[in-house]
Amino acid sequence: MTLFMDKRVRFPFIIFLLIISFYVSGQTEVRFFDSTRHVFPDYIENYSDSLSVQLAASSKYNKFEISSNPADSKVSKVMRFNPNKKASLGFGVNYKWFGLSLGVAFPFLNNDDFKYGHTDQFDLQANFYLRKFIIDGYLQTYKGYYINNPLDFDTAWFNNRTNFPSRSDIQTASAGLAFSYVKNHKKFSYKAPFSQTERQKKRAGSWIFGGFFSIYYLGADSNIVKFAAAGSFNDSCKIRYAIIISEGVSAGYAYTFIIKKRYYISLSFMPGLAYQTSHLWIEGMQTGIKKSGVNLKTQARFAMGYSGEKYYWGFSAVSDEFVMKNSTSSQLKYSLGNIKFFFGRWFNLKKSKSKPN
């Protein structure tokens, strides 16, 4: 383990892993952790000196929807676009300050192109779980989407077919960085439900404050809402290209419930305000539209599972959602996130104790 702790090789090693992750077919996560000292041992048990080996099934996504007249529920229309998500199987390891998860999207898990169409995707997410801070970064590209709610526009769509309407020309790209501060970090642990390097022994919660920056691109060869009976959408919904830059602040609360000492449910919700600059190209218009304003952004995290003395298992989900109002008569909402089922085991390499401050 001296390789991981030697500062002279630590940085080149991290860069090497990040480069390699760009060529892995499936899901990749790189995680880093700081010291687990300075916590109350009655609330948090430290497992960072134990080697954690984990098997996981996971899926990531980047989806969006376009709404016409969103403020009037009687006449509002919503068209939802989802990628054909690729599930992956993989493994992960955590030890000391470092964690790495690699997954492969095996063909036998993703043989439903006939139903949802084909999606080419690249999805890299990095999560830095520190004692007081959380840093989330992502880089995503998706090409190929299907309409998730065709019956809202054609009630006879599935009468003689089983596939959803798909658009292979629709593509998205997004990149972002978020930084959050965990106020009650001595009693509340984000590592326990999301990285399994600690165990939350007593229920606890914390206020969370943060900031974020993101850029989002959406484009297609023609009007995105072009579909049977889609004439009910007004002209401002007929987007061909969109670029949205968002920056802002958020605040929220996280809480972990403990059931019978070893079971947990963790909930986190962070609403925020995003100052957005958008550039839109509408079908039929000669010039683009530039718009700036404040809109909503939310982040939610959920986890539940079991932490035994040697074994652990659970489920976790993270979601970010952005809203961009093109005008009073149209709205673009996009979201990204991941879900994961996992099973793992701790191997005690060195007996450790958490020390109160």
Protein backbone atom coordinates (compact mmCIF):
# COMPACT_ATOMS: atom_id res chain seq x y z
CA MET A 1 0.00 0.00 0.00
CA THR A 2 3.01 2.36 0.07
CA LEU A 3 2.33 3.27 -3.56
CA PHE A 4 -0.97 4.92 -2.61
CA MET A 5 0.48 6.92 0.22
CA ASP A 6 3.62 8.21 -1.50
CA LYS A 7 2.92 11.82 -2.55
CA ARG A 8 5.54 11.64 -5.32
CA VAL A 9 3.53 9.05 -7.23
CA ARG A 10 0.03 9.81 -5.99
CA PHE A 11 -0.78 12.58 -8.51
CA PRO A 12 0.58 10.77 -11.63
CA PHE A 13 -1.29 7.65 -10.52
CA ILE A 14 -4.58 9.57 -10.24
CA ILE A 15 -4.10 11.13 -13.69
CA PHE A 16 -3.37 7.68 -15.13
CA LEU A 17 -6.60 6.27 -13.68
CA LEU A 18 -8.65 9.18 -15.01
CA ILE A 19 -7.23 8.71 -18.50
CA ILE A 20 -7.86 4.96 -18.43
CA SER A 21 -11.45 5.56 -17.28
CA PHE A 22 -12.24 7.35 -20.55
CA TYR A 23 -11.64 4.07 -22.42
CA VAL A 24 -13.66 1.78 -20.17
CA SER A 25 -16.90 0.60 -21.81
CA GLY A 26 -19.54 0.95 -19.11
CA GLN A 27 -19.65 2.83 -15.82
CA THR A 28 -16.64 4.40 -14.14
CA GLU A 29 -16.35 6.23 -10.83
CA VAL A 30 -13.26 7.57 -9.11
CA ARG A 31 -13.59 8.58 -5.45
CA PHE A 32 -11.30 10.16 -2.89
CA PHE A 33 -11.74 10.46 0.86
CA ASP A 34 -10.08 12.51 3.56
CA SER A 35 -9.29 11.62 7.15
CA THR A 36 -12.04 10.00 9.18
CA ARG A 37 -10.78 11.45 12.45
CA HIS A 38 -12.52 14.23 14.41
CA VAL A 39 -15.94 12.60 14.54
CA PHE A 40 -18.07 11.44 17.47
CA PRO A 41 -17.58 7.65 17.74
CA ASP A 42 -21.06 7.23 19.26
CA TYR A 43 -22.46 8.34 15.90
CA ILE A 44 -19.89 7.28 13.28
CA GLU A 45 -17.80 4.12 13.07
CA ASN A 46 -14.67 4.32 10.94
CA TYR A 47 -14.06 1.60 8.33
CA SER A 48 -11.45 3.41 6.23
CA ASP A 49 -8.65 1.14 7.48
CA SER A 50 -10.59 -1.87 6.22
CA LEU A 51 -10.36 -2.87 2.60
CA SER A 52 -13.82 -2.79 1.06
CA VAL A 53 -14.55 -4.98 -1.97
CA GLN A 54 -17.88 -4.45 -3.68
CA LEU A 55 -19.94 -5.94 -6.52
CA ALA A 56 -22.47 -3.60 -8.09
CA ALA A 57 -25.10 -3.25 -10.80
CA SER A 58 -25.58 0.34 -11.90
CA SER A 59 -27.14 2.58 -14.50
CA LYS A 60 -26.70 6.25 -15.39
CA TYR A 61 -28.87 8.58 -17.42
CA ASN A 62 -29.38 12.04 -18.91
CA LYS A 63 -33.01 12.70 -19.87
CA PHE A 64 -35.11 15.75 -20.71
CA GLU A 65 -38.65 16.94 -21.38
CA ILE A 66 -40.20 19.86 -23.26
CA SER A 67 -43.44 21.41 -22.01
CA SER A 68 -45.97 23.61 -23.76
CA ASN A 69 -47.97 26.04 -21.56
CA PRO A 70 -46.49 24.58 -18.33
CA ALA A 71 -48.40 27.03 -16.10
CA ASP A 72 -51.83 25.89 -17.30
CA SER A 73 -52.49 22.24 -16.42
CA LYS A 74 -55.66 22.13 -18.58
CA VAL A 75 -53.86 22.76 -21.87
CA SER A 76 -50.27 21.85 -20.92
CA LYS A 77 -48.47 19.24 -23.05
CA VAL A 78 -45.26 17.46 -22.04
CA MET A 79 -43.06 15.32 -24.29
CA ARG A 80 -40.52 13.22 -22.38
CA PHE A 81 -37.30 11.92 -23.92
CA ASN A 82 -35.25 9.14 -22.31
CA PRO A 83 -32.05 7.45 -23.46
CA ASN A 84 -31.94 3.68 -23.73
CA LYS A 85 -29.98 3.35 -20.49
CA LYS A 86 -27.18 0.81 -20.35
CA ALA A 87 -26.97 -1.28 -17.21
CA SER A 88 -23.52 -2.42 -16.12
CA LEU A 89 -22.00 -4.97 -13.79
CA GLY A 90 -18.74 -4.28 -12.05
CA PHE A 91 -16.69 -4.15 -8.91
CA GLY A 92 -15.27 -1.51 -6.61
CA VAL A 93 -12.61 -1.16 -3.94
CA ASN A 94 -12.20 1.40 -1.14
CA TYR A 95 -9.18 1.78 1.11
CA LYS A 96 -7.92 4.76 3.11
CA TRP A 97 -8.37 7.91 1.02
CA PHE A 98 -8.98 6.23 -2.34
CA GLY A 99 -11.86 4.41 -4.04
CA LEU A 100 -12.40 3.14 -7.57
CA SER A 101 -15.40 1.52 -9.29
CA LEU A 102 -15.33 0.01 -12.76
CA GLY A 103 -18.24 -1.51 -14.65
CA VAL A 104 -18.88 -3.07 -18.03
CA ALA A 105 -22.12 -2.84 -19.98
CA PHE A 106 -22.43 -6.46 -21.06
CA PRO A 107 -24.52 -7.04 -24.22
CA PHE A 108 -26.85 -9.56 -22.52
CA LEU A 109 -27.96 -6.79 -20.13
CA ASN A 110 -28.70 -4.31 -22.92
CA ASN A 111 -30.46 -6.16 -25.76
CA ASP A 112 -33.61 -4.00 -25.97
CA ASP A 113 -32.72 -1.67 -28.87
CA PHE A 114 -35.69 -3.08 -30.79
CA LYS A 115 -38.00 -1.55 -28.18
CA TYR A 116 -36.31 1.72 -27.18
CA GLY A 117 -33.92 2.42 -30.02
CA HIS A 118 -30.14 2.61 -29.76
CA THR A 119 -28.26 5.07 -27.55
CA ASP A 120 -24.54 5.77 -27.73
CA GLN A 121 -23.40 7.08 -24.38
CA PHE A 122 -20.28 8.13 -22.54
CA ASP A 123 -20.80 8.89 -18.86
CA LEU A 124 -18.03 9.70 -16.41
CA GLN A 125 -18.79 10.74 -12.84
CA ALA A 126 -16.34 11.53 -10.06
CA ASN A 127 -17.41 11.84 -6.42
CA PHE A 128 -15.14 13.28 -3.75
CA TYR A 129 -16.49 12.46 -0.27
CA LEU A 130 -14.51 14.51 2.23
CA ARG A 131 -15.15 14.95 5.93
CA LYS A 132 -16.73 18.40 5.62
CA PHE A 133 -17.25 18.66 1.88
CA ILE A 134 -18.68 16.80 -1.10
CA ILE A 135 -17.48 17.51 -4.64
CA ASP A 136 -19.41 16.04 -7.58
CA GLY A 137 -18.22 16.25 -11.17
CA TYR A 138 -19.59 14.75 -14.37
CA LEU A 139 -19.02 14.61 -18.13
CA GLN A 140 -21.74 13.04 -20.29
CA THR A 141 -22.57 12.60 -23.98
CA TYR A 142 -25.67 10.78 -25.24
CA LYS A 143 -26.93 10.21 -28.79
CA GLY A 144 -30.26 8.52 -29.47
CA TYR A 145 -33.47 9.06 -27.44
CA TYR A 146 -36.98 7.63 -27.38
CA ILE A 147 -40.28 9.33 -26.49
CA ASN A 148 -41.36 7.93 -23.13
CA ASN A 149 -45.02 9.01 -23.29
CA PRO A 150 -46.29 8.43 -26.87
CA LEU A 151 -49.84 7.65 -25.70
CA ASP A 152 -50.26 11.29 -24.66
CA PHE A 153 -50.10 12.18 -28.37
CA ASP A 154 -51.30 9.04 -30.14
CA THR A 155 -53.63 6.79 -28.14
CA ALA A 156 -53.40 4.07 -30.80
CA TRP A 157 -49.59 3.96 -30.85
CA PHE A 158 -49.28 0.49 -29.26
CA ASN A 159 -52.24 -1.07 -31.04
CA ASN A 160 -50.03 -2.74 -33.66
CA ARG A 161 -46.52 -2.14 -32.39
CA THR A 162 -44.42 -2.77 -29.26
CA ASN A 163 -41.60 -0.27 -29.78
CA PHE A 164 -41.48 3.30 -28.52
CA PRO A 165 -40.95 6.12 -31.05
CA SER A 166 -37.23 6.91 -31.17
CA ARG A 167 -35.01 9.66 -32.55
CA SER A 168 -31.46 8.58 -33.33
CA ASP A 169 -30.51 12.17 -34.29
CA ILE A 170 -31.13 13.73 -30.85
CA GLN A 171 -27.96 14.21 -28.85
CA THR A 172 -27.00 15.84 -25.58
CA ALA A 173 -23.73 16.74 -23.87
CA SER A 174 -23.29 18.02 -20.34
CA ALA A 175 -20.50 18.84 -17.93
CA GLY A 176 -20.69 20.16 -14.41
CA LEU A 177 -19.13 20.60 -11.00
CA ALA A 178 -20.85 20.97 -7.62
CA PHE A 179 -19.35 21.77 -4.23
CA SER A 180 -21.24 21.19 -0.95
CA TYR A 181 -20.46 21.82 2.73
CA VAL A 182 -21.81 19.44 5.38
CA LYS A 183 -22.41 21.45 8.56
CA ASN A 184 -22.92 18.64 11.10
CA HIS A 185 -19.99 16.57 9.82
CA LYS A 186 -18.98 15.27 13.26
CA LYS A 187 -22.24 13.34 13.72
CA PHE A 188 -23.61 12.91 10.21
CA SER A 189 -21.75 10.85 7.59
CA TYR A 190 -22.35 10.95 3.83
CA LYS A 191 -19.66 8.29 3.44
CA ALA A 192 -21.71 5.68 5.31
CA PRO A 193 -24.54 5.31 2.76
CA PHE A 194 -22.67 6.33 -0.41
CA SER A 195 -19.10 5.01 -0.12
CA GLN A 196 -19.38 2.41 2.68
CA THR A 197 -16.16 3.53 4.36
CA GLU A 198 -18.08 4.34 7.56
CA ARG A 199 -21.20 3.23 9.44
CA GLN A 200 -23.81 5.59 10.81
CA LYS A 201 -24.48 4.17 14.29
CA LYS A 202 -27.16 6.65 15.42
CA ARG A 203 -29.64 8.64 13.39
CA ALA A 204 -28.43 12.10 12.52
CA GLY A 205 -28.88 14.89 10.00
CA SER A 206 -27.16 17.99 8.72
CA TRP A 207 -27.77 21.21 6.85
CA ILE A 208 -25.92 21.34 3.55
CA PHE A 209 -24.84 24.42 1.58
CA GLY A 210 -23.25 24.49 -1.83
CA GLY A 211 -22.60 25.98 -5.22
CA PHE A 212 -22.58 24.57 -8.75
CA PHE A 213 -21.72 25.22 -12.38
CA SER A 214 -22.90 23.32 -15.44
CA ILE A 215 -23.16 23.53 -19.22
CA TYR A 216 -25.75 21.60 -21.24
CA TYR A 217 -26.17 21.07 -24.98
CA LEU A 218 -29.22 19.65 -26.78
CA GLY A 219 -29.42 19.26 -30.55
CA ALA A 220 -31.14 17.39 -33.38
CA ASP A 221 -31.39 17.36 -37.16
CA SER A 222 -34.94 18.75 -37.00
CA ASN A 223 -37.59 20.03 -34.59
CA ILE A 224 -37.26 17.93 -31.41
CA VAL A 225 -41.01 17.74 -30.69
CA LYS A 226 -41.86 16.70 -34.25
CA PHE A 227 -44.13 13.73 -33.74
CA ALA A 228 -47.68 12.62 -34.57
CA ALA A 229 -50.24 14.98 -33.02
CA ALA A 230 -47.44 17.23 -31.74
CA GLY A 231 -49.04 20.26 -33.40
CA SER A 232 -50.40 21.23 -29.99
CA PHE A 233 -46.94 22.52 -29.08
CA ASN A 234 -46.40 26.22 -29.66
CA ASP A 235 -43.56 27.54 -31.79
CA SER A 236 -41.24 28.28 -28.84
CA CYS A 237 -41.14 24.51 -28.09
CA LYS A 238 -39.83 23.59 -31.54
CA ILE A 239 -36.18 23.58 -30.51
CA ARG A 240 -33.43 22.36 -32.83
CA TYR A 241 -30.43 23.37 -30.73
CA ALA A 242 -29.98 24.68 -27.20
CA ILE A 243 -26.97 25.60 -25.07
CA ILE A 244 -27.60 26.37 -21.40
CA ILE A 245 -24.98 27.60 -18.92
CA SER A 246 -26.01 27.50 -15.26
CA GLU A 247 -24.32 28.69 -12.10
CA GLY A 248 -25.77 29.19 -8.68
CA VAL A 249 -26.13 28.25 -5.03
CA SER A 250 -28.17 25.64 -3.20
CA ALA A 251 -29.06 24.67 0.35
CA GLY A 252 -30.86 21.73 1.85
CA TYR A 253 -30.95 19.05 4.49
CA ALA A 254 -29.84 15.42 4.76
CA TYR A 255 -30.91 12.83 7.31
CA THR A 256 -30.10 9.18 7.95
CA PHE A 257 -32.51 6.94 9.87
CA ILE A 258 -31.11 3.89 11.68
CA ILE A 259 -33.35 0.84 12.09
CA LYS A 260 -32.38 -2.03 14.41
CA LYS A 261 -28.79 -0.75 14.57
CA ARG A 262 -27.65 -2.12 11.20
CA TYR A 263 -30.28 -0.97 8.67
CA TYR A 264 -30.39 2.58 7.33
CA ILE A 265 -32.40 4.94 5.12
CA SER A 266 -30.72 8.16 4.01
CA LEU A 267 -32.52 11.10 2.40
CA SER A 268 -31.10 14.35 1.05
CA PHE A 269 -32.73 17.22 -0.82
CA MET A 270 -31.02 20.44 -1.98
CA PRO A 271 -33.06 23.01 -3.91
CA GLY A 272 -31.13 25.84 -5.51
CA LEU A 273 -31.30 28.94 -7.67
CA ALA A 274 -29.45 28.91 -10.98
CA TYR A 275 -28.59 31.96 -13.01
CA GLN A 276 -28.84 30.69 -16.57
CA THR A 277 -27.70 32.00 -19.92
CA SER A 278 -29.32 30.12 -22.78
CA HIS A 279 -28.90 30.18 -26.56
CA LEU A 280 -31.79 28.63 -28.49
CA TRP A 281 -32.35 27.93 -32.15
CA ILE A 282 -36.03 27.44 -33.01
CA GLU A 283 -37.17 25.76 -36.20
CA GLY A 284 -38.37 28.34 -38.72
CA MET A 285 -36.50 31.26 -37.15
CA GLN A 286 -33.63 32.90 -39.00
CA THR A 287 -31.71 33.90 -35.87
CA GLY A 288 -31.18 32.35 -32.45
CA ILE A 289 -32.63 33.52 -29.16
CA LYS A 290 -30.46 34.53 -26.22
CA LYS A 291 -32.05 34.61 -22.79
CA SER A 292 -30.79 35.12 -19.24
CA GLY A 293 -32.60 34.66 -15.96
CA VAL A 294 -32.94 32.79 -12.69
CA ASN A 295 -34.46 29.31 -12.67
CA LEU A 296 -34.68 26.32 -10.34
CA LYS A 297 -32.22 23.51 -9.79
CA THR A 298 -32.60 20.59 -7.38
CA GLN A 299 -30.43 17.73 -6.21
CA ALA A 300 -31.72 14.65 -4.41
CA ARG A 301 -29.91 11.66 -2.93
CA PHE A 302 -31.41 8.48 -1.55
CA ALA A 303 -29.85 5.38 -0.07
CA MET A 304 -30.99 2.38 1.93
CA GLY A 305 -29.32 -0.81 2.98
CA TYR A 306 -27.63 -2.92 5.61
CA SER A 307 -24.21 -2.56 7.27
CA GLY A 308 -23.14 -5.72 9.07
CA GLU A 309 -19.89 -6.52 10.83
CA LYS A 310 -18.36 -7.99 7.66
CA TYR A 311 -20.95 -7.73 4.89
CA TYR A 312 -23.05 -4.89 3.57
CA TRP A 313 -25.59 -4.34 0.80
CA GLY A 314 -27.88 -1.62 -0.42
CA PHE A 315 -29.27 0.71 -3.04
CA SER A 316 -28.39 4.33 -3.79
CA ALA A 317 -29.61 6.99 -6.22
CA VAL A 318 -28.45 10.51 -7.04
CA SER A 319 -30.36 12.95 -9.26
CA ASP A 320 -29.84 16.53 -10.44
CA GLU A 321 -32.62 18.44 -12.21
CA PHE A 322 -32.48 21.79 -14.02
CA VAL A 323 -35.43 23.86 -15.28
CA MET A 324 -35.13 26.39 -18.12
CA LYS A 325 -38.18 28.48 -19.03
CA ASN A 326 -37.86 29.50 -22.66
CA SER A 327 -40.93 31.73 -22.35
CA THR A 328 -44.23 31.83 -20.46
CA SER A 329 -45.53 29.24 -22.93
CA SER A 330 -42.68 26.71 -22.97
CA GLN A 331 -40.19 25.02 -20.67
CA LEU A 332 -37.20 22.70 -20.99
CA LYS A 333 -36.39 20.46 -18.02
CA TYR A 334 -33.40 18.13 -17.99
CA SER A 335 -32.05 15.78 -15.37
CA LEU A 336 -29.12 13.45 -14.87
CA GLY A 337 -28.16 10.91 -12.30
CA ASN A 338 -27.37 7.33 -11.44
CA ILE A 339 -28.73 4.38 -9.51
CA LYS A 340 -26.77 1.51 -8.01
CA PHE A 341 -27.40 -1.83 -6.29
CA PHE A 342 -24.39 -3.17 -4.41
CA PHE A 343 -23.13 -6.00 -2.21
CA GLY A 344 -19.76 -5.93 -0.47
CA ARG A 345 -17.46 -7.15 2.24
CA TRP A 346 -14.97 -5.46 4.54
CA PHE A 347 -11.55 -7.01 5.17
CA ASN A 348 -10.00 -5.70 8.38
CA LEU A 349 -6.37 -4.81 7.55
CA LYS A 350 -5.78 -2.68 10.61
CA LYS A 351 -7.81 -2.12 13.73
CA SER A 352 -8.81 1.54 13.94
CA LYS A 353 -10.79 3.81 16.19
CA SER A 354 -12.58 7.08 15.51
CA LYS A 355 -11.48 9.82 17.87
CA PRO A 356 -13.64 12.69 19.02
CA ASN A 357 -12.28 16.16 18.47
